[in-house]
């Protein structure tokens, strides 16, 4: 028998753990749920949060929102390393291609709408496609340790969260965040706007407990911290926390169908990167992470009912 995708721990407390294959009856048909995937880098949700993301797109959510927080620029900002396109745009193209692949799983291609929108005074790039939405906040890659990179001024999410930096500027010059509270408030504005009147939102992000998710990337952890803090005052929030790099030391736990969903999305992601003239690394990630999907679920308290307030956002 394959190991369960859900992980348990003796001190979890309020977490409600159920078998991943035993979906609730109200999730068999599209429920009144908006599912948010918070990815520090543009390939994180494909590697660590799939096939859950694919399942949400095709059947388990009325809308699925992907929030890509850093540019994943590896310290080169808007540079292209001698290739035809900037590296960060190649990574974004990989993520967008994968999302469209999932959304078009049983359909012919549709129309996409790409624009900058204003949330909490910040201009953020947004793409809507069918029942999916993608955000690219494009803040600097923070390096694995959170120290940042010289070319982008040693800025990082971790340094912003810890108060070491009071400014975090998007690498494309679209906006700058003044302190951690400003950044979290912006994430919260996105949650409220995309939720609309949905009774339930699901926040998918990295696991913050180091006992369950040891030695993770600083950007993964700080992205998750921002997501969970932003969602804290909101009603009816299901939190799903994923093991990231540590899954390479865990046994495969996906069946053949689930592995196909996961590996196909990752392959399409890499094809999108290659289309923008940058290299990909299939073998390392396929051998290390594909076939594994471990997470912990904390259900909301009480009964979830549709919300009545829809937040406004600026278009430009």
C-alpha atoms as a PDB file:
ATOM      1  CA  UNK A   1       0.000   0.000   0.000  1.00  0.00           C
ATOM      2  CA  UNK A   2       1.293   3.464  -0.878  1.00  0.00           C
ATOM      3  CA  UNK A   3       1.983   5.853   2.017  1.00  0.00           C
ATOM      4  CA  UNK A   4      -0.745   8.405   2.681  1.00  0.00           C
ATOM      5  CA  UNK A   5      -0.278  11.857   1.154  1.00  0.00           C
ATOM      6  CA  UNK A   6      -1.471  13.389   4.417  1.00  0.00           C
ATOM      7  CA  UNK A   7       1.043  13.637   7.250  1.00  0.00           C
ATOM      8  CA  UNK A   8       0.276  13.457  10.956  1.00  0.00           C
ATOM      9  CA  UNK A   9       2.249  14.633  13.978  1.00  0.00           C
ATOM     10  CA  UNK A  10       1.658  14.101  17.665  1.00  0.00           C
ATOM     11  CA  UNK A  11       1.366  17.820  18.440  1.00  0.00           C
ATOM     12  CA  UNK A  12      -0.737  19.000  15.515  1.00  0.00           C
ATOM     13  CA  UNK A  13      -3.759  19.581  17.749  1.00  0.00           C
ATOM     14  CA  UNK A  14      -6.429  21.395  15.746  1.00  0.00           C
ATOM     15  CA  UNK A  15      -5.521  19.769  12.451  1.00  0.00           C
ATOM     16  CA  UNK A  16      -8.121  17.467  10.995  1.00  0.00           C
ATOM     17  CA  UNK A  17      -6.408  14.672   9.095  1.00  0.00           C
ATOM     18  CA  UNK A  18      -8.295  12.498   6.665  1.00  0.00           C
ATOM     19  CA  UNK A  19      -7.172  10.130   3.929  1.00  0.00           C
ATOM     20  CA  UNK A  20      -6.270  12.033   0.757  1.00  0.00           C
ATOM     21  CA  UNK A  21      -8.217   9.606  -1.382  1.00  0.00           C
ATOM     22  CA  UNK A  22     -11.352   9.977   0.743  1.00  0.00           C
ATOM     23  CA  UNK A  23     -12.510  13.340  -0.583  1.00  0.00           C
ATOM     24  CA  UNK A  24     -15.537  14.886   1.117  1.00  0.00           C
ATOM     25  CA  UNK A  25     -18.823  14.401  -0.707  1.00  0.00           C
ATOM     26  CA  UNK A  26     -19.113  18.136  -1.371  1.00  0.00           C
ATOM     27  CA  UNK A  27     -15.828  18.039  -3.319  1.00  0.00           C
ATOM     28  CA  UNK A  28     -16.931  15.411  -5.822  1.00  0.00           C
ATOM     29  CA  UNK A  29     -18.682  18.163  -7.765  1.00  0.00           C
ATOM     30  CA  UNK A  30     -17.188  21.627  -7.916  1.00  0.00           C
ATOM     31  CA  UNK A  31     -17.764  23.075  -4.437  1.00  0.00           C
ATOM     32  CA  UNK A  32     -18.155  26.705  -3.476  1.00  0.00           C
ATOM     33  CA  UNK A  33     -14.416  26.952  -2.913  1.00  0.00           C
ATOM     34  CA  UNK A  34     -11.579  29.120  -4.199  1.00  0.00           C
ATOM     35  CA  UNK A  35      -8.219  27.430  -3.835  1.00  0.00           C
ATOM     36  CA  UNK A  36      -5.035  29.533  -3.571  1.00  0.00           C
ATOM     37  CA  UNK A  37      -1.571  28.113  -4.261  1.00  0.00           C
ATOM     38  CA  UNK A  38       1.256  30.221  -2.855  1.00  0.00           C
ATOM     39  CA  UNK A  39       4.519  29.502  -4.641  1.00  0.00           C
ATOM     40  CA  UNK A  40       7.761  31.232  -3.790  1.00  0.00           C
ATOM     41  CA  UNK A  41       9.112  30.281  -7.214  1.00  0.00           C
ATOM     42  CA  UNK A  42       7.328  29.548 -10.460  1.00  0.00           C
ATOM     43  CA  UNK A  43       7.902  25.776 -10.296  1.00  0.00           C
ATOM     44  CA  UNK A  44       7.134  25.149  -6.615  1.00  0.00           C
ATOM     45  CA  UNK A  45       3.450  24.251  -6.796  1.00  0.00           C
ATOM     46  CA  UNK A  46       4.148  21.820  -9.661  1.00  0.00           C
ATOM     47  CA  UNK A  47       6.781  19.944  -7.647  1.00  0.00           C
ATOM     48  CA  UNK A  48       5.366  20.045  -4.128  1.00  0.00           C
ATOM     49  CA  UNK A  49       1.607  20.732  -4.391  1.00  0.00           C
ATOM     50  CA  UNK A  50       0.607  18.464  -7.240  1.00  0.00           C
ATOM     51  CA  UNK A  51      -1.550  16.581  -8.171  1.00  0.00           C
ATOM     52  CA  UNK A  52      -3.665  18.522  -5.627  1.00  0.00           C
ATOM     53  CA  UNK A  53      -3.469  21.638  -7.818  1.00  0.00           C
ATOM     54  CA  UNK A  54      -4.432  19.735 -10.963  1.00  0.00           C
ATOM     55  CA  UNK A  55      -7.388  18.151  -9.137  1.00  0.00           C
ATOM     56  CA  UNK A  56      -8.571  21.595  -7.995  1.00  0.00           C
ATOM     57  CA  UNK A  57      -8.385  23.003 -11.516  1.00  0.00           C
ATOM     58  CA  UNK A  58     -10.298  20.163 -13.156  1.00  0.00           C
ATOM     59  CA  UNK A  59     -12.914  19.378 -10.504  1.00  0.00           C
ATOM     60  CA  UNK A  60     -12.333  20.344  -6.864  1.00  0.00           C
ATOM     61  CA  UNK A  61     -12.671  24.154  -6.910  1.00  0.00           C
ATOM     62  CA  UNK A  62     -14.778  26.692  -8.744  1.00  0.00           C
ATOM     63  CA  UNK A  63     -11.636  28.804  -9.153  1.00  0.00           C
ATOM     64  CA  UNK A  64      -7.946  28.114  -8.581  1.00  0.00           C
ATOM     65  CA  UNK A  65      -5.536  30.991  -7.971  1.00  0.00           C
ATOM     66  CA  UNK A  66      -1.756  30.690  -8.271  1.00  0.00           C
ATOM     67  CA  UNK A  67       0.246  33.381  -6.463  1.00  0.00           C
ATOM     68  CA  UNK A  68       3.887  33.341  -7.571  1.00  0.00           C
ATOM     69  CA  UNK A  69       5.662  35.557  -5.080  1.00  0.00           C
ATOM     70  CA  UNK A  70       9.315  35.899  -6.059  1.00  0.00           C
ATOM     71  CA  UNK A  71      10.647  36.295  -9.577  1.00  0.00           C
ATOM     72  CA  UNK A  72      12.813  33.204  -9.087  1.00  0.00           C
ATOM     73  CA  UNK A  73      15.556  35.187 -10.787  1.00  0.00           C
ATOM     74  CA  UNK A  74      18.455  33.445  -8.998  1.00  0.00           C
ATOM     75  CA  UNK A  75      20.034  36.798  -8.242  1.00  0.00           C
ATOM     76  CA  UNK A  76      20.225  38.204 -11.792  1.00  0.00           C
ATOM     77  CA  UNK A  77      17.165  40.446 -11.573  1.00  0.00           C
ATOM     78  CA  UNK A  78      15.866  41.155 -15.063  1.00  0.00           C
ATOM     79  CA  UNK A  79      19.010  39.719 -16.664  1.00  0.00           C
ATOM     80  CA  UNK A  80      18.965  36.986 -19.291  1.00  0.00           C
ATOM     81  CA  UNK A  81      22.345  35.222 -18.805  1.00  0.00           C
ATOM     82  CA  UNK A  82      23.084  35.711 -22.500  1.00  0.00           C
ATOM     83  CA  UNK A  83      19.837  34.099 -23.641  1.00  0.00           C
ATOM     84  CA  UNK A  84      17.062  35.696 -25.717  1.00  0.00           C
ATOM     85  CA  UNK A  85      14.679  36.361 -22.819  1.00  0.00           C
ATOM     86  CA  UNK A  86      15.090  37.290 -19.140  1.00  0.00           C
ATOM     87  CA  UNK A  87      15.280  34.239 -16.921  1.00  0.00           C
ATOM     88  CA  UNK A  88      12.373  35.319 -14.728  1.00  0.00           C
ATOM     89  CA  UNK A  89      10.089  35.583 -17.764  1.00  0.00           C
ATOM     90  CA  UNK A  90      11.093  32.079 -18.863  1.00  0.00           C
ATOM     91  CA  UNK A  91      10.076  30.742 -15.452  1.00  0.00           C
ATOM     92  CA  UNK A  92       6.792  32.640 -15.587  1.00  0.00           C
ATOM     93  CA  UNK A  93       6.104  31.241 -19.039  1.00  0.00           C
ATOM     94  CA  UNK A  94       6.668  27.755 -17.676  1.00  0.00           C
ATOM     95  CA  UNK A  95       4.123  28.302 -14.912  1.00  0.00           C
ATOM     96  CA  UNK A  96       1.550  29.911 -17.183  1.00  0.00           C
ATOM     97  CA  UNK A  97       1.917  27.160 -19.790  1.00  0.00           C
ATOM     98  CA  UNK A  98       1.356  24.522 -17.102  1.00  0.00           C
ATOM     99  CA  UNK A  99      -1.741  26.286 -15.767  1.00  0.00           C
ATOM    100  CA  UNK A 100      -3.258  26.581 -19.223  1.00  0.00           C
ATOM    101  CA  UNK A 101      -2.474  22.903 -19.824  1.00  0.00           C
ATOM    102  CA  UNK A 102      -4.470  21.943 -16.748  1.00  0.00           C
ATOM    103  CA  UNK A 103      -7.345  24.303 -17.534  1.00  0.00           C
ATOM    104  CA  UNK A 104      -7.516  22.968 -21.109  1.00  0.00           C
ATOM    105  CA  UNK A 105      -7.380  19.307 -20.053  1.00  0.00           C
ATOM    106  CA  UNK A 106     -10.843  18.638 -21.497  1.00  0.00           C
ATOM    107  CA  UNK A 107     -11.308  21.661 -23.746  1.00  0.00           C
ATOM    108  CA  UNK A 108      -9.902  23.624 -26.637  1.00  0.00           C
ATOM    109  CA  UNK A 109      -7.789  26.713 -25.784  1.00  0.00           C
ATOM    110  CA  UNK A 110      -9.641  29.805 -24.655  1.00  0.00           C
ATOM    111  CA  UNK A 111      -8.827  33.496 -24.269  1.00  0.00           C
ATOM    112  CA  UNK A 112      -6.452  34.810 -21.621  1.00  0.00           C
ATOM    113  CA  UNK A 113      -6.626  38.254 -20.036  1.00  0.00           C
ATOM    114  CA  UNK A 114      -3.317  39.687 -18.818  1.00  0.00           C
ATOM    115  CA  UNK A 115      -3.133  43.033 -17.037  1.00  0.00           C
ATOM    116  CA  UNK A 116      -1.680  44.898 -14.090  1.00  0.00           C
ATOM    117  CA  UNK A 117      -4.089  45.376 -11.205  1.00  0.00           C
ATOM    118  CA  UNK A 118      -3.719  47.435  -8.045  1.00  0.00           C
ATOM    119  CA  UNK A 119      -4.006  45.842  -4.605  1.00  0.00           C
ATOM    120  CA  UNK A 120      -3.315  47.830  -1.447  1.00  0.00           C
ATOM    121  CA  UNK A 121      -1.692  50.470  -3.639  1.00  0.00           C
ATOM    122  CA  UNK A 122       0.625  47.979  -5.401  1.00  0.00           C
ATOM    123  CA  UNK A 123       0.666  47.170  -9.103  1.00  0.00           C
ATOM    124  CA  UNK A 124       0.715  43.398  -9.662  1.00  0.00           C
ATOM    125  CA  UNK A 125       0.682  41.385 -12.878  1.00  0.00           C
ATOM    126  CA  UNK A 126      -2.422  39.183 -13.142  1.00  0.00           C
ATOM    127  CA  UNK A 127      -3.489  36.628 -15.751  1.00  0.00           C
ATOM    128  CA  UNK A 128      -6.951  35.079 -15.864  1.00  0.00           C
ATOM    129  CA  UNK A 129      -7.663  31.982 -17.929  1.00  0.00           C
ATOM    130  CA  UNK A 130     -10.845  29.956 -17.713  1.00  0.00           C
ATOM    131  CA  UNK A 131     -11.320  29.056 -14.030  1.00  0.00           C
ATOM    132  CA  UNK A 132      -7.725  29.951 -13.101  1.00  0.00           C
ATOM    133  CA  UNK A 133      -5.943  33.135 -12.094  1.00  0.00           C
ATOM    134  CA  UNK A 134      -2.180  33.691 -11.868  1.00  0.00           C
ATOM    135  CA  UNK A 135      -0.322  36.429 -10.048  1.00  0.00           C
ATOM    136  CA  UNK A 136       3.354  37.280 -10.446  1.00  0.00           C
ATOM    137  CA  UNK A 137       4.578  39.612  -7.686  1.00  0.00           C
ATOM    138  CA  UNK A 138       8.194  39.498  -8.964  1.00  0.00           C
ATOM    139  CA  UNK A 139       9.988  40.347  -5.738  1.00  0.00           C
ATOM    140  CA  UNK A 140      13.673  39.331  -5.702  1.00  0.00           C
ATOM    141  CA  UNK A 141      14.729  35.732  -5.209  1.00  0.00           C
ATOM    142  CA  UNK A 142      15.950  35.615  -1.621  1.00  0.00           C
ATOM    143  CA  UNK A 143      18.530  32.826  -1.952  1.00  0.00           C
ATOM    144  CA  UNK A 144      18.159  29.576  -0.015  1.00  0.00           C
ATOM    145  CA  UNK A 145      19.369  31.124   3.244  1.00  0.00           C
ATOM    146  CA  UNK A 146      17.341  34.316   2.921  1.00  0.00           C
ATOM    147  CA  UNK A 147      20.432  36.504   2.562  1.00  0.00           C
ATOM    148  CA  UNK A 148      19.457  37.680  -0.915  1.00  0.00           C
ATOM    149  CA  UNK A 149      21.833  38.456  -3.774  1.00  0.00           C
ATOM    150  CA  UNK A 150      24.212  41.345  -4.389  1.00  0.00           C
ATOM    151  CA  UNK A 151      22.738  42.325  -7.773  1.00  0.00           C
ATOM    152  CA  UNK A 152      19.280  42.789  -6.255  1.00  0.00           C
ATOM    153  CA  UNK A 153      20.542  44.641  -3.191  1.00  0.00           C
ATOM    154  CA  UNK A 154      20.433  41.688  -0.780  1.00  0.00           C
ATOM    155  CA  UNK A 155      16.674  42.050  -0.625  1.00  0.00           C
ATOM    156  CA  UNK A 156      14.603  39.066   0.424  1.00  0.00           C
ATOM    157  CA  UNK A 157      11.245  38.136   1.868  1.00  0.00           C
ATOM    158  CA  UNK A 158      12.958  36.793   4.964  1.00  0.00           C
ATOM    159  CA  UNK A 159      14.871  40.024   5.577  1.00  0.00           C
ATOM    160  CA  UNK A 160      11.641  42.000   5.123  1.00  0.00           C
ATOM    161  CA  UNK A 161       9.767  39.740   7.548  1.00  0.00           C
ATOM    162  CA  UNK A 162      12.559  39.952  10.142  1.00  0.00           C
ATOM    163  CA  UNK A 163      12.868  43.740   9.861  1.00  0.00           C
ATOM    164  CA  UNK A 164      16.409  43.633   8.428  1.00  0.00           C
ATOM    165  CA  UNK A 165      15.111  45.399   5.309  1.00  0.00           C
ATOM    166  CA  UNK A 166      12.206  47.844   5.313  1.00  0.00           C
ATOM    167  CA  UNK A 167      11.878  47.848   1.524  1.00  0.00           C
ATOM    168  CA  UNK A 168      11.289  45.025  -0.965  1.00  0.00           C
ATOM    169  CA  UNK A 169      11.100  46.165  -4.594  1.00  0.00           C
ATOM    170  CA  UNK A 170       9.828  44.075  -7.498  1.00  0.00           C
ATOM    171  CA  UNK A 171      12.652  43.438  -9.960  1.00  0.00           C
ATOM    172  CA  UNK A 172      10.643  44.885 -12.882  1.00  0.00           C
ATOM    173  CA  UNK A 173      10.094  48.174 -11.056  1.00  0.00           C
ATOM    174  CA  UNK A 174       6.321  47.650 -10.877  1.00  0.00           C
ATOM    175  CA  UNK A 175       6.074  48.306  -7.114  1.00  0.00           C
ATOM    176  CA  UNK A 176       7.869  48.277  -3.765  1.00  0.00           C
ATOM    177  CA  UNK A 177       6.657  47.072  -0.382  1.00  0.00           C
ATOM    178  CA  UNK A 178       7.384  49.180   2.681  1.00  0.00           C
ATOM    179  CA  UNK A 179       7.659  46.719   5.536  1.00  0.00           C
ATOM    180  CA  UNK A 180       6.242  43.274   6.239  1.00  0.00           C
ATOM    181  CA  UNK A 181       2.796  44.553   7.233  1.00  0.00           C
ATOM    182  CA  UNK A 182       2.449  46.249   3.849  1.00  0.00           C
ATOM    183  CA  UNK A 183       3.309  43.021   2.050  1.00  0.00           C
ATOM    184  CA  UNK A 184       0.916  40.887   4.121  1.00  0.00           C
ATOM    185  CA  UNK A 185      -1.887  43.421   3.629  1.00  0.00           C
ATOM    186  CA  UNK A 186      -1.360  43.200  -0.127  1.00  0.00           C
ATOM    187  CA  UNK A 187      -1.592  39.410  -0.059  1.00  0.00           C
ATOM    188  CA  UNK A 188      -4.768  39.696   2.023  1.00  0.00           C
ATOM    189  CA  UNK A 189      -6.272  42.070  -0.544  1.00  0.00           C
ATOM    190  CA  UNK A 190      -5.665  39.452  -3.246  1.00  0.00           C
ATOM    191  CA  UNK A 191      -7.315  36.753  -1.118  1.00  0.00           C
ATOM    192  CA  UNK A 192     -10.392  38.875  -0.491  1.00  0.00           C
ATOM    193  CA  UNK A 193     -10.720  39.980  -4.109  1.00  0.00           C
ATOM    194  CA  UNK A 194     -10.383  36.519  -5.630  1.00  0.00           C
ATOM    195  CA  UNK A 195     -12.581  34.902  -3.033  1.00  0.00           C
ATOM    196  CA  UNK A 196     -15.575  36.940  -4.085  1.00  0.00           C
ATOM    197  CA  UNK A 197     -18.607  35.401  -2.364  1.00  0.00           C
ATOM    198  CA  UNK A 198     -17.204  31.854  -2.044  1.00  0.00           C
ATOM    199  CA  UNK A 199     -18.038  30.216   1.260  1.00  0.00           C
ATOM    200  CA  UNK A 200     -14.651  28.485   1.576  1.00  0.00           C
ATOM    201  CA  UNK A 201     -11.119  29.397   0.632  1.00  0.00           C
ATOM    202  CA  UNK A 202      -8.246  26.962   0.707  1.00  0.00           C
ATOM    203  CA  UNK A 203      -4.740  28.298   1.289  1.00  0.00           C
ATOM    204  CA  UNK A 204      -2.032  25.958   0.005  1.00  0.00           C
ATOM    205  CA  UNK A 205       1.531  26.789   1.040  1.00  0.00           C
ATOM    206  CA  UNK A 206       4.672  25.271   2.515  1.00  0.00           C
ATOM    207  CA  UNK A 207       4.599  23.598   5.921  1.00  0.00           C
ATOM    208  CA  UNK A 208       6.091  25.887   8.586  1.00  0.00           C
ATOM    209  CA  UNK A 209       6.770  23.195  11.194  1.00  0.00           C
ATOM    210  CA  UNK A 210      10.483  22.312  10.780  1.00  0.00           C
ATOM    211  CA  UNK A 211       9.853  18.877  12.273  1.00  0.00           C
ATOM    212  CA  UNK A 212       7.615  18.066   9.310  1.00  0.00           C
ATOM    213  CA  UNK A 213       9.370  20.173   6.676  1.00  0.00           C
ATOM    214  CA  UNK A 214      13.040  20.461   7.644  1.00  0.00           C
ATOM    215  CA  UNK A 215      15.690  22.516   5.856  1.00  0.00           C
ATOM    216  CA  UNK A 216      13.348  24.230   3.422  1.00  0.00           C
ATOM    217  CA  UNK A 217      14.186  27.247   1.248  1.00  0.00           C
ATOM    218  CA  UNK A 218      13.791  30.610   2.980  1.00  0.00           C
ATOM    219  CA  UNK A 219      11.522  31.887   0.208  1.00  0.00           C
ATOM    220  CA  UNK A 220       9.218  28.870   0.586  1.00  0.00           C
ATOM    221  CA  UNK A 221       8.855  29.416   4.306  1.00  0.00           C
ATOM    222  CA  UNK A 222       8.428  33.186   4.216  1.00  0.00           C
ATOM    223  CA  UNK A 223       5.912  32.965   1.383  1.00  0.00           C
ATOM    224  CA  UNK A 224       3.908  30.514   3.500  1.00  0.00           C
ATOM    225  CA  UNK A 225       4.173  32.802   6.518  1.00  0.00           C
ATOM    226  CA  UNK A 226       2.774  35.695   4.487  1.00  0.00           C
ATOM    227  CA  UNK A 227      -0.067  33.555   3.135  1.00  0.00           C
ATOM    228  CA  UNK A 228      -1.116  32.222   6.530  1.00  0.00           C
ATOM    229  CA  UNK A 229      -0.848  35.621   8.237  1.00  0.00           C
ATOM    230  CA  UNK A 230      -2.879  37.233   5.445  1.00  0.00           C
ATOM    231  CA  UNK A 231      -5.597  34.586   5.778  1.00  0.00           C
ATOM    232  CA  UNK A 232      -5.718  34.655   9.587  1.00  0.00           C
ATOM    233  CA  UNK A 233      -8.552  37.201  10.012  1.00  0.00           C
ATOM    234  CA  UNK A 234     -10.645  35.776   7.171  1.00  0.00           C
ATOM    235  CA  UNK A 235     -13.589  33.459   7.682  1.00  0.00           C
ATOM    236  CA  UNK A 236     -13.738  29.817   6.674  1.00  0.00           C
ATOM    237  CA  UNK A 237     -10.156  29.144   5.611  1.00  0.00           C
ATOM    238  CA  UNK A 238      -8.847  25.638   5.084  1.00  0.00           C
ATOM    239  CA  UNK A 239      -5.054  25.501   5.418  1.00  0.00           C
ATOM    240  CA  UNK A 240      -3.113  22.856   3.511  1.00  0.00           C
ATOM    241  CA  UNK A 241       0.594  22.754   4.335  1.00  0.00           C
ATOM    242  CA  UNK A 242       3.045  20.867   2.117  1.00  0.00           C
ATOM    243  CA  UNK A 243       6.392  19.221   2.685  1.00  0.00           C
ATOM    244  CA  UNK A 244       8.833  20.629   0.120  1.00  0.00           C
ATOM    245  CA  UNK A 245      12.502  19.658  -0.287  1.00  0.00           C
ATOM    246  CA  UNK A 246      12.283  17.029   2.443  1.00  0.00           C
ATOM    247  CA  UNK A 247      10.070  14.875   0.215  1.00  0.00           C
ATOM    248  CA  UNK A 248      13.190  13.743  -1.620  1.00  0.00           C
ATOM    249  CA  UNK A 249      13.934  11.612   1.453  1.00  0.00           C
ATOM    250  CA  UNK A 250      10.382  10.270   1.702  1.00  0.00           C
ATOM    251  CA  UNK A 251       8.981   7.270  -0.178  1.00  0.00           C
ATOM    252  CA  UNK A 252       6.862   7.810  -3.300  1.00  0.00           C
ATOM    253  CA  UNK A 253       3.192   7.905  -2.286  1.00  0.00           C
ATOM    254  CA  UNK A 254       1.293   8.635  -5.492  1.00  0.00           C
ATOM    255  CA  UNK A 255      -0.471   5.983  -7.536  1.00  0.00           C
ATOM    256  CA  UNK A 256       0.128   5.739 -11.282  1.00  0.00           C
ATOM    257  CA  UNK A 257      -2.704   8.093 -12.230  1.00  0.00           C
ATOM    258  CA  UNK A 258      -1.659  10.723  -9.690  1.00  0.00           C
ATOM    259  CA  UNK A 259       1.964  10.498 -10.799  1.00  0.00           C
ATOM    260  CA  UNK A 260       0.889  11.008 -14.405  1.00  0.00           C
ATOM    261  CA  UNK A 261      -0.960  14.184 -13.414  1.00  0.00           C
ATOM    262  CA  UNK A 262       2.047  15.493 -11.522  1.00  0.00           C
ATOM    263  CA  UNK A 263       4.746  14.586 -14.038  1.00  0.00           C
ATOM    264  CA  UNK A 264       2.771  15.865 -17.033  1.00  0.00           C
ATOM    265  CA  UNK A 265       2.368  19.297 -15.455  1.00  0.00           C
ATOM    266  CA  UNK A 266       6.047  19.482 -14.560  1.00  0.00           C
ATOM    267  CA  UNK A 267       7.053  18.425 -18.073  1.00  0.00           C
ATOM    268  CA  UNK A 268       4.861  21.159 -19.571  1.00  0.00           C
ATOM    269  CA  UNK A 269       6.405  23.657 -17.143  1.00  0.00           C
ATOM    270  CA  UNK A 270       9.884  22.826 -18.392  1.00  0.00           C
ATOM    271  CA  UNK A 271       8.714  23.049 -22.002  1.00  0.00           C
ATOM    272  CA  UNK A 272       7.532  26.584 -21.267  1.00  0.00           C
ATOM    273  CA  UNK A 273      10.936  27.492 -19.850  1.00  0.00           C
ATOM    274  CA  UNK A 274      12.713  25.980 -22.850  1.00  0.00           C
ATOM    275  CA  UNK A 275      10.449  27.940 -25.203  1.00  0.00           C
ATOM    276  CA  UNK A 276      11.971  31.105 -23.738  1.00  0.00           C
ATOM    277  CA  UNK A 277      15.515  29.927 -24.474  1.00  0.00           C
ATOM    278  CA  UNK A 278      16.550  28.807 -20.975  1.00  0.00           C
ATOM    279  CA  UNK A 279      17.659  25.404 -19.805  1.00  0.00           C
ATOM    280  CA  UNK A 280      15.677  22.923 -17.753  1.00  0.00           C
ATOM    281  CA  UNK A 281      16.550  20.167 -15.302  1.00  0.00           C
ATOM    282  CA  UNK A 282      14.185  17.238 -15.756  1.00  0.00           C
ATOM    283  CA  UNK A 283      16.183  14.308 -14.385  1.00  0.00           C
ATOM    284  CA  UNK A 284      17.161  15.817 -11.022  1.00  0.00           C
ATOM    285  CA  UNK A 285      13.661  16.958 -10.098  1.00  0.00           C
ATOM    286  CA  UNK A 286      11.923  13.930 -11.580  1.00  0.00           C
ATOM    287  CA  UNK A 287      14.096  11.566  -9.551  1.00  0.00           C
ATOM    288  CA  UNK A 288      13.924  13.669  -6.372  1.00  0.00           C
ATOM    289  CA  UNK A 289      10.352  14.960  -6.098  1.00  0.00           C
ATOM    290  CA  UNK A 290       7.948  13.594  -8.710  1.00  0.00           C
ATOM    291  CA  UNK A 291       5.768  10.822  -7.300  1.00  0.00           C
ATOM    292  CA  UNK A 292       5.631  12.405  -3.851  1.00  0.00           C
ATOM    293  CA  UNK A 293       2.956  14.682  -2.385  1.00  0.00           C
ATOM    294  CA  UNK A 294       2.815  15.066   1.404  1.00  0.00           C
ATOM    295  CA  UNK A 295       0.634  17.602   3.189  1.00  0.00           C
ATOM    296  CA  UNK A 296      -1.244  18.449   6.384  1.00  0.00           C
ATOM    297  CA  UNK A 297      -4.783  19.842   6.510  1.00  0.00           C
ATOM    298  CA  UNK A 298      -6.267  22.181   9.102  1.00  0.00           C
ATOM    299  CA  UNK A 299     -10.006  22.576   8.591  1.00  0.00           C
ATOM    300  CA  UNK A 300     -11.877  25.790   9.478  1.00  0.00           C
ATOM    301  CA  UNK A 301     -14.027  25.946  12.573  1.00  0.00           C
ATOM    302  CA  UNK A 302     -17.788  26.174  12.331  1.00  0.00           C
ATOM    303  CA  UNK A 303     -20.087  26.256   9.323  1.00  0.00           C
ATOM    304  CA  UNK A 304     -18.999  27.995   6.130  1.00  0.00           C
ATOM    305  CA  UNK A 305     -21.509  30.285   4.435  1.00  0.00           C
ATOM    306  CA  UNK A 306     -21.200  32.481   1.329  1.00  0.00           C
ATOM    307  CA  UNK A 307     -19.672  35.887   1.961  1.00  0.00           C
ATOM    308  CA  UNK A 308     -21.560  39.064   1.133  1.00  0.00           C
ATOM    309  CA  UNK A 309     -18.715  41.530   0.568  1.00  0.00           C
ATOM    310  CA  UNK A 310     -16.674  41.627  -2.630  1.00  0.00           C
ATOM    311  CA  UNK A 311     -13.493  43.697  -2.535  1.00  0.00           C
ATOM    312  CA  UNK A 312     -12.594  46.126  -5.279  1.00  0.00           C
ATOM    313  CA  UNK A 313      -9.258  46.292  -7.087  1.00  0.00           C
ATOM    314  CA  UNK A 314      -7.880  48.790  -9.550  1.00  0.00           C
ATOM    315  CA  UNK A 315      -7.244  47.965 -13.236  1.00  0.00           C
ATOM    316  CA  UNK A 316      -4.643  49.720 -15.336  1.00  0.00           C
END
